[in-house]
PDB file of N, CA and C in Angstrom:
ATOM      1  N   GLY A   1     -10.420  20.678  -7.640  1.00  0.00           N
ATOM      2  CA  GLY A   1     -11.768  20.719  -8.431  1.00  0.00           C
ATOM      3  C   GLY A   1     -12.360  22.143  -8.266  1.00  0.00           C
ATOM      4  N   ILE A   2     -13.380  22.372  -8.808  1.00  0.00           N
ATOM      5  CA  ILE A   2     -14.069  23.768  -8.519  1.00  0.00           C
ATOM      6  C   ILE A   2     -14.693  23.735  -7.583  1.00  0.00           C
ATOM      7  N   ASN A   3     -15.075  24.433  -6.330  1.00  0.00           N
ATOM      8  CA  ASN A   3     -15.966  24.786  -5.395  1.00  0.00           C
ATOM      9  C   ASN A   3     -16.639  25.749  -5.525  1.00  0.00           C
ATOM     10  N   TYR A   4     -17.941  25.786  -5.047  1.00  0.00           N
ATOM     11  CA  TYR A   4     -18.825  26.933  -5.300  1.00  0.00           C
ATOM     12  C   TYR A   4     -19.470  27.504  -3.956  1.00  0.00           C
ATOM     13  N   TYR A   5     -19.343  28.707  -3.669  1.00  0.00           N
ATOM     14  CA  TYR A   5     -19.668  29.338  -2.602  1.00  0.00           C
ATOM     15  C   TYR A   5     -20.749  30.382  -2.454  1.00  0.00           C
ATOM     16  N   ARG A   6     -21.567  30.543  -1.509  1.00  0.00           N
ATOM     17  CA  ARG A   6     -22.521  31.701  -1.381  1.00  0.00           C
ATOM     18  C   ARG A   6     -22.872  32.054  -0.084  1.00  0.00           C
ATOM     19  N   LEU A   7     -22.991  33.133   0.349  1.00  0.00           N
ATOM     20  CA  LEU A   7     -23.292  33.613   1.718  1.00  0.00           C
ATOM     21  C   LEU A   7     -24.828  33.806   1.883  1.00  0.00           C
ATOM     22  N   LYS A   8     -25.239  33.376   2.997  1.00  0.00           N
ATOM     23  CA  LYS A   8     -26.536  33.730   3.506  1.00  0.00           C
ATOM     24  C   LYS A   8     -26.791  34.733   4.495  1.00  0.00           C
ATOM     25  N   GLN A   9     -27.298  35.894   4.427  1.00  0.00           N
ATOM     26  CA  GLN A   9     -27.564  36.918   5.387  1.00  0.00           C
ATOM     27  C   GLN A   9     -28.900  36.944   6.084  1.00  0.00           C
ATOM     28  N   MET A  10     -28.699  36.877   7.259  1.00  0.00           N
ATOM     29  CA  MET A  10     -30.114  36.475   7.959  1.00  0.00           C
ATOM     30  C   MET A  10     -30.318  37.728   8.853  1.00  0.00           C
ATOM     31  N   ASP A  11     -31.272  38.341   8.832  1.00  0.00           N
ATOM     32  CA  ASP A  11     -31.701  39.504   9.734  1.00  0.00           C
ATOM     33  C   ASP A  11     -32.429  39.215  10.849  1.00  0.00           C
ATOM     34  N   PHE A  12     -32.478  40.139  11.848  1.00  0.00           N
ATOM     35  CA  PHE A  12     -32.958  39.557  13.291  1.00  0.00           C
ATOM     36  C   PHE A  12     -34.614  39.280  13.211  1.00  0.00           C
ATOM     37  N   ASP A  13     -34.978  39.589  12.030  1.00  0.00           N
ATOM     38  CA  ASP A  13     -36.725  39.375  11.862  1.00  0.00           C
ATOM     39  C   ASP A  13     -36.755  38.258  11.083  1.00  0.00           C
ATOM     40  N   GLY A  14     -35.814  37.512  10.856  1.00  0.00           N
ATOM     41  CA  GLY A  14     -35.948  36.130   9.966  1.00  0.00           C
ATOM     42  C   GLY A  14     -35.989  36.096   8.584  1.00  0.00           C
ATOM     43  N   GLN A  15     -35.866  37.297   8.001  1.00  0.00           N
ATOM     44  CA  GLN A  15     -35.657  37.250   6.614  1.00  0.00           C
ATOM     45  C   GLN A  15     -34.240  37.387   6.255  1.00  0.00           C
ATOM     46  N   TYR A  16     -33.966  36.732   5.230  1.00  0.00           N
ATOM     47  CA  TYR A  16     -32.751  36.446   4.506  1.00  0.00           C
ATOM     48  C   TYR A  16     -32.656  36.648   3.249  1.00  0.00           C
ATOM     49  N   GLU A  17     -31.331  36.807   2.401  1.00  0.00           N
ATOM     50  CA  GLU A  17     -31.095  36.837   1.259  1.00  0.00           C
ATOM     51  C   GLU A  17     -29.651  36.213   1.129  1.00  0.00           C
ATOM     52  N   TYR A  18     -29.416  35.809  -0.346  1.00  0.00           N
ATOM     53  CA  TYR A  18     -28.054  35.062  -0.746  1.00  0.00           C
ATOM     54  C   TYR A  18     -27.222  35.846  -1.295  1.00  0.00           C
ATOM     55  N   SER A  19     -26.079  35.851  -1.152  1.00  0.00           N
ATOM     56  CA  SER A  19     -25.150  36.567  -2.222  1.00  0.00           C
ATOM     57  C   SER A  19     -25.116  35.682  -3.564  1.00  0.00           C
ATOM     58  N   GLU A  20     -24.429  36.222  -4.612  1.00  0.00           N
ATOM     59  CA  GLU A  20     -24.256  35.654  -5.692  1.00  0.00           C
ATOM     60  C   GLU A  20     -23.224  34.429  -5.529  1.00  0.00           C
ATOM     61  N   VAL A  21     -23.373  33.503  -6.446  1.00  0.00           N
ATOM     62  CA  VAL A  21     -22.295  32.283  -6.288  1.00  0.00           C
ATOM     63  C   VAL A  21     -21.076  32.625  -6.869  1.00  0.00           C
ATOM     64  N   VAL A  22     -20.091  32.461  -6.230  1.00  0.00           N
ATOM     65  CA  VAL A  22     -18.656  32.679  -6.398  1.00  0.00           C
ATOM     66  C   VAL A  22     -17.938  31.023  -6.263  1.00  0.00           C
ATOM     67  N   SER A  23     -17.366  31.135  -7.701  1.00  0.00           N
ATOM     68  CA  SER A  23     -16.407  29.681  -7.847  1.00  0.00           C
ATOM     69  C   SER A  23     -14.936  29.906  -7.407  1.00  0.00           C
ATOM     70  N   VAL A  24     -14.445  28.868  -6.814  1.00  0.00           N
ATOM     71  CA  VAL A  24     -13.175  28.836  -6.370  1.00  0.00           C
ATOM     72  C   VAL A  24     -12.241  27.522  -7.168  1.00  0.00           C
ATOM     73  N   ALA A  25     -11.323  27.691  -7.838  1.00  0.00           N
ATOM     74  CA  ALA A  25     -10.668  26.495  -8.367  1.00  0.00           C
ATOM     75  C   ALA A  25      -9.517  26.149  -7.233  1.00  0.00           C
ATOM     76  N   MET A  26      -9.673  24.899  -7.091  1.00  0.00           N
ATOM     77  CA  MET A  26      -8.885  24.563  -5.776  1.00  0.00           C
ATOM     78  C   MET A  26      -7.626  23.425  -6.645  1.00  0.00           C
ATOM     79  N   ASP A  27      -6.496  23.665  -6.458  1.00  0.00           N
ATOM     80  CA  ASP A  27      -5.559  22.830  -7.104  1.00  0.00           C
ATOM     81  C   ASP A  27      -4.825  22.069  -5.541  1.00  0.00           C
ATOM     82  N   ASP A  28      -5.002  21.069  -5.090  1.00  0.00           N
ATOM     83  CA  ASP A  28      -4.500  20.472  -4.083  1.00  0.00           C
ATOM     84  C   ASP A  28      -2.987  20.278  -4.176  1.00  0.00           C
ATOM     85  N   ALA A  29      -2.314  20.183  -5.161  1.00  0.00           N
ATOM     86  CA  ALA A  29      -0.867  20.085  -5.196  1.00  0.00           C
ATOM     87  C   ALA A  29      -0.430  21.365  -5.414  1.00  0.00           C
ATOM     88  N   LYS A  30      -0.788  22.333  -5.732  1.00  0.00           N
ATOM     89  CA  LYS A  30      -0.225  23.554  -6.010  1.00  0.00           C
ATOM     90  C   LYS A  30       0.330  24.095  -4.532  1.00  0.00           C
ATOM     91  N   GLY A  31       1.722  24.555  -4.481  1.00  0.00           N
ATOM     92  CA  GLY A  31       1.874  25.254  -3.388  1.00  0.00           C
ATOM     93  C   GLY A  31       2.470  23.839  -2.171  1.00  0.00           C
ATOM     94  N   LYS A  32       2.509  22.914  -2.610  1.00  0.00           N
ATOM     95  CA  LYS A  32       2.714  21.800  -1.757  1.00  0.00           C
ATOM     96  C   LYS A  32       4.197  21.500  -1.746  1.00  0.00           C
ATOM     97  N   LEU A  33       4.991  21.338  -0.644  1.00  0.00           N
ATOM     98  CA  LEU A  33       6.322  21.067  -0.601  1.00  0.00           C
ATOM     99  C   LEU A  33       6.450  19.439  -0.826  1.00  0.00           C
ATOM    100  N   LEU A  34       5.640  18.782  -0.010  1.00  0.00           N
ATOM    101  CA  LEU A  34       5.692  17.332   0.132  1.00  0.00           C
ATOM    102  C   LEU A  34       4.569  16.398  -0.331  1.00  0.00           C
ATOM    103  N   LYS A  35       5.066  15.319  -0.943  1.00  0.00           N
ATOM    104  CA  LYS A  35       4.094  14.280  -1.398  1.00  0.00           C
ATOM    105  C   LYS A  35       4.524  13.101  -0.649  1.00  0.00           C
ATOM    106  N   ILE A  36       3.607  12.374  -0.291  1.00  0.00           N
ATOM    107  CA  ILE A  36       3.591  11.161   0.265  1.00  0.00           C
ATOM    108  C   ILE A  36       2.673  10.210  -0.287  1.00  0.00           C
ATOM    109  N   PHE A  37       3.171   8.887  -0.942  1.00  0.00           N
ATOM    110  CA  PHE A  37       2.390   8.066  -1.572  1.00  0.00           C
ATOM    111  C   PHE A  37       2.855   6.870  -1.619  1.00  0.00           C
ATOM    112  N   PRO A  38       2.083   5.690  -1.406  1.00  0.00           N
ATOM    113  CA  PRO A  38       0.828   5.760  -0.928  1.00  0.00           C
ATOM    114  C   PRO A  38       0.478   5.984   0.430  1.00  0.00           C
ATOM    115  N   ASN A  39      -0.548   6.590   0.738  1.00  0.00           N
ATOM    116  CA  ASN A  39      -0.758   6.813   2.247  1.00  0.00           C
ATOM    117  C   ASN A  39      -2.193   6.755   2.559  1.00  0.00           C
ATOM    118  N   PRO A  40      -2.777   5.820   3.248  1.00  0.00           N
ATOM    119  CA  PRO A  40      -1.883   4.796   4.299  1.00  0.00           C
ATOM    120  C   PRO A  40      -1.274   3.767   3.170  1.00  0.00           C
ATOM    121  N   SER A  41      -0.347   3.219   4.029  1.00  0.00           N
ATOM    122  CA  SER A  41       0.718   2.268   3.266  1.00  0.00           C
ATOM    123  C   SER A  41       0.837   1.044   3.983  1.00  0.00           C
ATOM    124  N   SER A  42       1.189  -0.121   3.380  1.00  0.00           N
ATOM    125  CA  SER A  42       1.563  -1.232   4.117  1.00  0.00           C
ATOM    126  C   SER A  42       2.942  -1.179   4.344  1.00  0.00           C
ATOM    127  N   GLY A  43       3.601  -0.051   4.416  1.00  0.00           N
ATOM    128  CA  GLY A  43       5.013  -0.088   4.903  1.00  0.00           C
ATOM    129  C   GLY A  43       5.918   0.583   4.126  1.00  0.00           C
ATOM    130  N   LEU A  44       5.640   0.155   2.675  1.00  0.00           N
ATOM    131  CA  LEU A  44       6.436   0.895   1.575  1.00  0.00           C
ATOM    132  C   LEU A  44       5.872   2.085   1.146  1.00  0.00           C
ATOM    133  N   PHE A  45       6.683   3.120   1.123  1.00  0.00           N
ATOM    134  CA  PHE A  45       5.751   4.535   0.482  1.00  0.00           C
ATOM    135  C   PHE A  45       7.409   5.494   0.332  1.00  0.00           C
ATOM    136  N   SER A  46       6.718   6.436  -0.533  1.00  0.00           N
ATOM    137  CA  SER A  46       7.650   6.994  -1.177  1.00  0.00           C
ATOM    138  C   SER A  46       7.434   8.766  -0.620  1.00  0.00           C
ATOM    139  N   VAL A  47       8.484   9.417  -0.488  1.00  0.00           N
ATOM    140  CA  VAL A  47       8.217  10.908   0.007  1.00  0.00           C
ATOM    141  C   VAL A  47       8.978  11.539  -1.026  1.00  0.00           C
ATOM    142  N   SER A  48       8.365  12.654  -1.782  1.00  0.00           N
ATOM    143  CA  SER A  48       8.955  13.561  -2.638  1.00  0.00           C
ATOM    144  C   SER A  48       9.021  15.085  -2.168  1.00  0.00           C
ATOM    145  N   LEU A  49       9.991  15.811  -2.507  1.00  0.00           N
ATOM    146  CA  LEU A  49      10.010  17.209  -1.998  1.00  0.00           C
ATOM    147  C   LEU A  49      10.615  18.044  -3.080  1.00  0.00           C
ATOM    148  N   SER A  50       9.484  19.201  -3.442  1.00  0.00           N
ATOM    149  CA  SER A  50       9.771  20.145  -4.213  1.00  0.00           C
ATOM    150  C   SER A  50      10.362  21.342  -3.642  1.00  0.00           C
ATOM    151  N   ASN A  51      11.394  21.719  -4.555  1.00  0.00           N
ATOM    152  CA  ASN A  51      12.433  22.767  -4.148  1.00  0.00           C
ATOM    153  C   ASN A  51      12.841  23.531  -5.269  1.00  0.00           C
ATOM    154  N   PRO A  52      11.946  24.157  -5.963  1.00  0.00           N
ATOM    155  CA  PRO A  52      12.036  25.030  -7.357  1.00  0.00           C
ATOM    156  C   PRO A  52      13.109  26.034  -7.376  1.00  0.00           C
ATOM    157  N   ASN A  53      13.355  26.491  -6.166  1.00  0.00           N
ATOM    158  CA  ASN A  53      14.374  27.606  -6.053  1.00  0.00           C
ATOM    159  C   ASN A  53      15.643  26.890  -5.601  1.00  0.00           C
ATOM    160  N   LYS A  54      15.847  25.892  -5.303  1.00  0.00           N
ATOM    161  CA  LYS A  54      17.249  25.124  -4.992  1.00  0.00           C
ATOM    162  C   LYS A  54      17.566  25.857  -3.296  1.00  0.00           C
ATOM    163  N   GLU A  55      16.680  25.739  -2.403  1.00  0.00           N
ATOM    164  CA  GLU A  55      16.949  26.493  -1.323  1.00  0.00           C
ATOM    165  C   GLU A  55      17.308  25.530  -0.197  1.00  0.00           C
ATOM    166  N   ARG A  56      17.964  25.848   0.976  1.00  0.00           N
ATOM    167  CA  ARG A  56      18.087  24.986   2.137  1.00  0.00           C
ATOM    168  C   ARG A  56      17.147  24.188   2.281  1.00  0.00           C
ATOM    169  N   ALA A  57      17.117  23.146   2.567  1.00  0.00           N
ATOM    170  CA  ALA A  57      15.965  22.191   2.926  1.00  0.00           C
ATOM    171  C   ALA A  57      16.394  21.072   3.930  1.00  0.00           C
ATOM    172  N   PHE A  58      15.437  20.632   4.697  1.00  0.00           N
ATOM    173  CA  PHE A  58      15.598  19.220   5.152  1.00  0.00           C
ATOM    174  C   PHE A  58      14.262  18.442   5.393  1.00  0.00           C
ATOM    175  N   VAL A  59      14.427  16.972   5.422  1.00  0.00           N
ATOM    176  CA  VAL A  59      13.445  16.248   5.625  1.00  0.00           C
ATOM    177  C   VAL A  59      13.633  15.429   6.872  1.00  0.00           C
ATOM    178  N   LYS A  60      12.770  15.016   7.592  1.00  0.00           N
ATOM    179  CA  LYS A  60      12.800  14.017   8.734  1.00  0.00           C
ATOM    180  C   LYS A  60      11.636  13.302   8.848  1.00  0.00           C
ATOM    181  N   LEU A  61      12.001  11.863   9.361  1.00  0.00           N
ATOM    182  CA  LEU A  61      10.831  11.013   9.400  1.00  0.00           C
ATOM    183  C   LEU A  61      11.005  10.663  11.012  1.00  0.00           C
ATOM    184  N   LEU A  62       9.788  10.919  11.655  1.00  0.00           N
ATOM    185  CA  LEU A  62       9.674  10.922  13.235  1.00  0.00           C
ATOM    186  C   LEU A  62       8.452  10.023  13.427  1.00  0.00           C
ATOM    187  N   ASP A  63       8.691   9.246  14.447  1.00  0.00           N
ATOM    188  CA  ASP A  63       7.633   7.993  14.725  1.00  0.00           C
ATOM    189  C   ASP A  63       6.716   8.898  15.721  1.00  0.00           C
ATOM    190  N   SER A  64       5.729   7.990  16.291  1.00  0.00           N
ATOM    191  CA  SER A  64       4.583   8.495  16.789  1.00  0.00           C
ATOM    192  C   SER A  64       5.131   9.219  18.273  1.00  0.00           C
ATOM    193  N   THR A  65       6.185   9.037  18.851  1.00  0.00           N
ATOM    194  CA  THR A  65       6.437   9.394  20.077  1.00  0.00           C
ATOM    195  C   THR A  65       7.363  10.765  19.506  1.00  0.00           C
ATOM    196  N   GLY A  66       7.517  10.996  18.449  1.00  0.00           N
ATOM    197  CA  GLY A  66       8.472  12.116  18.353  1.00  0.00           C
ATOM    198  C   GLY A  66      10.032  12.003  18.002  1.00  0.00           C
ATOM    199  N   SER A  67      10.448  10.652  18.102  1.00  0.00           N
ATOM    200  CA  SER A  67      11.851   9.919  18.057  1.00  0.00           C
ATOM    201  C   SER A  67      12.126  10.082  16.503  1.00  0.00           C
ATOM    202  N   LEU A  68      13.332  10.675  16.184  1.00  0.00           N
ATOM    203  CA  LEU A  68      13.674  10.847  15.018  1.00  0.00           C
ATOM    204  C   LEU A  68      14.216   9.409  14.408  1.00  0.00           C
ATOM    205  N   ILE A  69      13.789   8.803  13.326  1.00  0.00           N
ATOM    206  CA  ILE A  69      13.990   7.675  12.514  1.00  0.00           C
ATOM    207  C   ILE A  69      15.174   7.793  11.482  1.00  0.00           C
ATOM    208  N   TRP A  70      14.834   8.900  10.704  1.00  0.00           N
ATOM    209  CA  TRP A  70      15.700   9.254   9.942  1.00  0.00           C
ATOM    210  C   TRP A  70      15.698  10.975   9.500  1.00  0.00           C
ATOM    211  N   GLU A  71      16.732  11.458   8.872  1.00  0.00           N
ATOM    212  CA  GLU A  71      16.926  12.896   8.490  1.00  0.00           C
ATOM    213  C   GLU A  71      17.717  13.167   7.329  1.00  0.00           C
ATOM    214  N   HIS A  72      17.575  14.067   6.644  1.00  0.00           N
ATOM    215  CA  HIS A  72      18.587  14.358   5.481  1.00  0.00           C
ATOM    216  C   HIS A  72      18.326  15.991   5.214  1.00  0.00           C
ATOM    217  N   ARG A  73      19.576  16.607   5.147  1.00  0.00           N
ATOM    218  CA  ARG A  73      19.581  17.996   5.040  1.00  0.00           C
ATOM    219  C   ARG A  73      20.215  18.479   3.701  1.00  0.00           C
ATOM    220  N   PHE A  74      19.881  19.377   3.048  1.00  0.00           N
ATOM    221  CA  PHE A  74      20.194  19.874   1.830  1.00  0.00           C
ATOM    222  C   PHE A  74      20.750  21.196   2.282  1.00  0.00           C
ATOM    223  N   ASN A  75      22.135  21.716   1.912  1.00  0.00           N
ATOM    224  CA  ASN A  75      22.366  23.073   1.693  1.00  0.00           C
ATOM    225  C   ASN A  75      22.242  23.370   0.516  1.00  0.00           C
ATOM    226  N   ASN A  76      22.303  24.895   0.254  1.00  0.00           N
ATOM    227  CA  ASN A  76      22.010  25.533  -1.090  1.00  0.00           C
ATOM    228  C   ASN A  76      22.723  24.522  -2.414  1.00  0.00           C
ATOM    229  N   GLN A  77      24.078  24.359  -2.182  1.00  0.00           N
ATOM    230  CA  GLN A  77      24.922  23.756  -3.035  1.00  0.00           C
ATOM    231  C   GLN A  77      24.394  22.431  -3.440  1.00  0.00           C
ATOM    232  N   GLU A  78      23.858  21.668  -2.521  1.00  0.00           N
ATOM    233  CA  GLU A  78      23.324  20.287  -2.536  1.00  0.00           C
ATOM    234  C   GLU A  78      21.838  20.262  -3.112  1.00  0.00           C
ATOM    235  N   ALA A  79      21.289  21.153  -2.892  1.00  0.00           N
ATOM    236  CA  ALA A  79      19.748  21.159  -3.048  1.00  0.00           C
ATOM    237  C   ALA A  79      19.302  20.918  -4.501  1.00  0.00           C
ATOM    238  N   GLU A  80      18.309  20.013  -4.794  1.00  0.00           N
ATOM    239  CA  GLU A  80      17.651  19.638  -5.899  1.00  0.00           C
ATOM    240  C   GLU A  80      16.537  20.267  -6.043  1.00  0.00           C
ATOM    241  N   LEU A  81      15.845  20.476  -7.396  1.00  0.00           N
ATOM    242  CA  LEU A  81      14.491  20.798  -7.679  1.00  0.00           C
ATOM    243  C   LEU A  81      13.523  19.909  -7.338  1.00  0.00           C
ATOM    244  N   TYR A  82      13.881  18.499  -7.391  1.00  0.00           N
ATOM    245  CA  TYR A  82      12.965  17.699  -7.032  1.00  0.00           C
ATOM    246  C   TYR A  82      13.716  16.351  -6.273  1.00  0.00           C
ATOM    247  N   TRP A  83      13.262  15.885  -5.251  1.00  0.00           N
ATOM    248  CA  TRP A  83      14.039  14.884  -4.673  1.00  0.00           C
ATOM    249  C   TRP A  83      13.046  13.766  -4.171  1.00  0.00           C
ATOM    250  N   GLU A  84      13.304  12.471  -4.107  1.00  0.00           N
ATOM    251  CA  GLU A  84      12.341  11.493  -3.846  1.00  0.00           C
ATOM    252  C   GLU A  84      13.272  10.200  -3.073  1.00  0.00           C
ATOM    253  N   LYS A  85      12.426   9.733  -2.085  1.00  0.00           N
ATOM    254  CA  LYS A  85      13.277   8.631  -1.408  1.00  0.00           C
ATOM    255  C   LYS A  85      12.148   7.676  -0.909  1.00  0.00           C
ATOM    256  N   GLU A  86      12.398   6.255  -0.994  1.00  0.00           N
ATOM    257  CA  GLU A  86      11.637   5.301  -0.834  1.00  0.00           C
ATOM    258  C   GLU A  86      11.806   4.843   0.645  1.00  0.00           C
ATOM    259  N   PHE A  87      10.830   4.593   1.505  1.00  0.00           N
ATOM    260  CA  PHE A  87      10.773   3.950   2.837  1.00  0.00           C
ATOM    261  C   PHE A  87      10.276   2.539   3.005  1.00  0.00           C
ATOM    262  N   ASP A  88      10.763   1.855   3.801  1.00  0.00           N
ATOM    263  CA  ASP A  88      10.053   0.593   4.097  1.00  0.00           C
ATOM    264  C   ASP A  88      10.120   0.463   5.534  1.00  0.00           C
ATOM    265  N   LEU A  89       8.670   0.808   6.322  1.00  0.00           N
ATOM    266  CA  LEU A  89       8.580   0.626   7.705  1.00  0.00           C
ATOM    267  C   LEU A  89       7.992  -0.450   7.925  1.00  0.00           C
ATOM    268  N   PRO A  90       8.398  -1.512   8.735  1.00  0.00           N
ATOM    269  CA  PRO A  90       7.564  -2.901   9.030  1.00  0.00           C
ATOM    270  C   PRO A  90       6.489  -2.728  10.085  1.00  0.00           C
ATOM    271  N   GLN A  91       6.516  -1.849  10.910  1.00  0.00           N
ATOM    272  CA  GLN A  91       5.723  -1.639  12.156  1.00  0.00           C
ATOM    273  C   GLN A  91       4.448  -0.712  11.814  1.00  0.00           C
ATOM    274  N   HIS A  92       3.603  -1.646  12.375  1.00  0.00           N
ATOM    275  CA  HIS A  92       2.072  -0.873  12.287  1.00  0.00           C
ATOM    276  C   HIS A  92       2.055   0.324  13.192  1.00  0.00           C
ATOM    277  N   GLU A  93       2.059   1.665  12.670  1.00  0.00           N
ATOM    278  CA  GLU A  93       2.178   2.764  13.439  1.00  0.00           C
ATOM    279  C   GLU A  93       1.925   4.074  12.555  1.00  0.00           C
ATOM    280  N   VAL A  94       1.834   5.189  13.178  1.00  0.00           N
ATOM    281  CA  VAL A  94       1.717   6.488  12.582  1.00  0.00           C
ATOM    282  C   VAL A  94       2.884   7.165  12.563  1.00  0.00           C
ATOM    283  N   TYR A  95       3.440   7.330  11.341  1.00  0.00           N
ATOM    284  CA  TYR A  95       4.885   8.474  11.440  1.00  0.00           C
ATOM    285  C   TYR A  95       4.090   9.821  10.773  1.00  0.00           C
ATOM    286  N   PHE A  96       5.408  10.793  11.162  1.00  0.00           N
ATOM    287  CA  PHE A  96       5.392  11.945  10.701  1.00  0.00           C
ATOM    288  C   PHE A  96       6.605  12.406   9.595  1.00  0.00           C
ATOM    289  N   VAL A  97       6.166  12.922   8.545  1.00  0.00           N
ATOM    290  CA  VAL A  97       7.314  13.472   7.590  1.00  0.00           C
ATOM    291  C   VAL A  97       7.010  15.001   7.888  1.00  0.00           C
ATOM    292  N   VAL A  98       8.272  15.553   8.163  1.00  0.00           N
ATOM    293  CA  VAL A  98       8.463  16.888   8.523  1.00  0.00           C
ATOM    294  C   VAL A  98       9.592  17.415   7.432  1.00  0.00           C
ATOM    295  N   THR A  99       9.227  18.542   6.630  1.00  0.00           N
ATOM    296  CA  THR A  99      10.121  19.078   6.025  1.00  0.00           C
ATOM    297  C   THR A  99      10.075  20.622   6.076  1.00  0.00           C
ATOM    298  N   GLN A 100      11.221  21.238   5.775  1.00  0.00           N
ATOM    299  CA  GLN A 100      11.426  22.726   5.452  1.00  0.00           C
ATOM    300  C   GLN A 100      12.149  22.884   4.312  1.00  0.00           C
ATOM    301  N   VAL A 101      11.668  23.857   3.735  1.00  0.00           N
ATOM    302  CA  VAL A 101      12.346  24.502   2.206  1.00  0.00           C
ATOM    303  C   VAL A 101      12.315  25.935   2.420  1.00  0.00           C
ATOM    304  N   GLY A 102      13.550  26.395   2.624  1.00  0.00           N
ATOM    305  CA  GLY A 102      13.570  27.956   2.740  1.00  0.00           C
ATOM    306  C   GLY A 102      12.853  28.248   3.982  1.00  0.00           C
ATOM    307  N   ASN A 103      11.797  29.229   3.883  1.00  0.00           N
ATOM    308  CA  ASN A 103      11.148  29.514   5.252  1.00  0.00           C
ATOM    309  C   ASN A 103       9.752  28.982   5.320  1.00  0.00           C
ATOM    310  N   LYS A 104       9.388  28.011   4.280  1.00  0.00           N
ATOM    311  CA  LYS A 104       8.171  27.261   4.043  1.00  0.00           C
ATOM    312  C   LYS A 104       8.328  25.851   5.171  1.00  0.00           C
ATOM    313  N   SER A 105       7.402  25.604   5.736  1.00  0.00           N
ATOM    314  CA  SER A 105       7.601  24.084   6.543  1.00  0.00           C
ATOM    315  C   SER A 105       6.176  23.362   6.199  1.00  0.00           C
ATOM    316  N   GLU A 106       6.245  21.998   6.425  1.00  0.00           N
ATOM    317  CA  GLU A 106       5.260  21.233   6.073  1.00  0.00           C
ATOM    318  C   GLU A 106       5.213  20.041   6.857  1.00  0.00           C
ATOM    319  N   THR A 107       4.220  19.420   7.251  1.00  0.00           N
ATOM    320  CA  THR A 107       4.199  17.982   8.073  1.00  0.00           C
ATOM    321  C   THR A 107       3.017  17.491   7.642  1.00  0.00           C
ATOM    322  N   GLN A 108       3.405  16.222   7.328  1.00  0.00           N
ATOM    323  CA  GLN A 108       2.394  15.144   6.849  1.00  0.00           C
ATOM    324  C   GLN A 108       2.485  13.722   7.633  1.00  0.00           C
ATOM    325  N   LYS A 109       1.314  13.066   8.012  1.00  0.00           N
ATOM    326  CA  LYS A 109       1.428  11.966   8.656  1.00  0.00           C
ATOM    327  C   LYS A 109       1.222  10.807   7.747  1.00  0.00           C
ATOM    328  N   VAL A 110       1.974   9.862   8.018  1.00  0.00           N
ATOM    329  CA  VAL A 110       1.805   8.764   7.300  1.00  0.00           C
ATOM    330  C   VAL A 110       1.229   7.365   7.976  1.00  0.00           C
ATOM    331  N   VAL A 111       0.407   6.639   7.500  1.00  0.00           N
ATOM    332  CA  VAL A 111      -0.422   5.718   8.481  1.00  0.00           C
ATOM    333  C   VAL A 111       0.120   4.531   7.795  1.00  0.00           C
ATOM    334  N   ILE A 112       0.891   3.699   8.519  1.00  0.00           N
ATOM    335  CA  ILE A 112       1.239   2.092   8.216  1.00  0.00           C
ATOM    336  C   ILE A 112       0.333   1.100   8.695  1.00  0.00           C
ATOM    337  N   VAL A 113      -0.378   0.381   7.815  1.00  0.00           N
ATOM    338  CA  VAL A 113      -1.440  -0.588   8.184  1.00  0.00           C
ATOM    339  C   VAL A 113      -0.810  -2.120   7.976  1.00  0.00           C
ATOM    340  N   ASP A 114      -1.701  -2.804   8.536  1.00  0.00           N
ATOM    341  CA  ASP A 114      -0.950  -4.295   8.476  1.00  0.00           C
ATOM    342  C   ASP A 114      -0.800  -4.634   6.987  1.00  0.00           C
ATOM    343  N   ARG A 115       0.349  -5.361   7.008  1.00  0.00           N
ATOM    344  CA  ARG A 115       0.745  -6.215   5.542  1.00  0.00           C
ATOM    345  C   ARG A 115      -0.242  -7.449   5.485  1.00  0.00           C
ATOM    346  N   LYS A 116      -0.824  -7.512   4.223  1.00  0.00           N
ATOM    347  CA  LYS A 116      -1.528  -8.628   3.958  1.00  0.00           C
ATOM    348  C   LYS A 116      -0.980  -9.723   3.107  1.00  0.00           C
TER     349      LYS A 116
END
């Protein structure tokens, strides 16, 4: 959405004045490599990776101790513009999805809650 900001400058004598209001449009998905949904999850969740330039990339799933659960690497010839994988993790735990596309990297945590 749009966020509005202004600065308050306060002098040593206690007097102050505000700057003009500035608006900043925030697009949460813009520039993101990685999307995880739903999160938190009951165990079944999807991971999607954006790779618009078809660069070398990898995706790793780690448990809370840092142990590797799953990994996939793409070289330039295998790289896709958009890739998605579904996971089904039965254990109530926090996992981490680590990805790198070209020289950009991103890590997100996935919370697995009790199934009902």
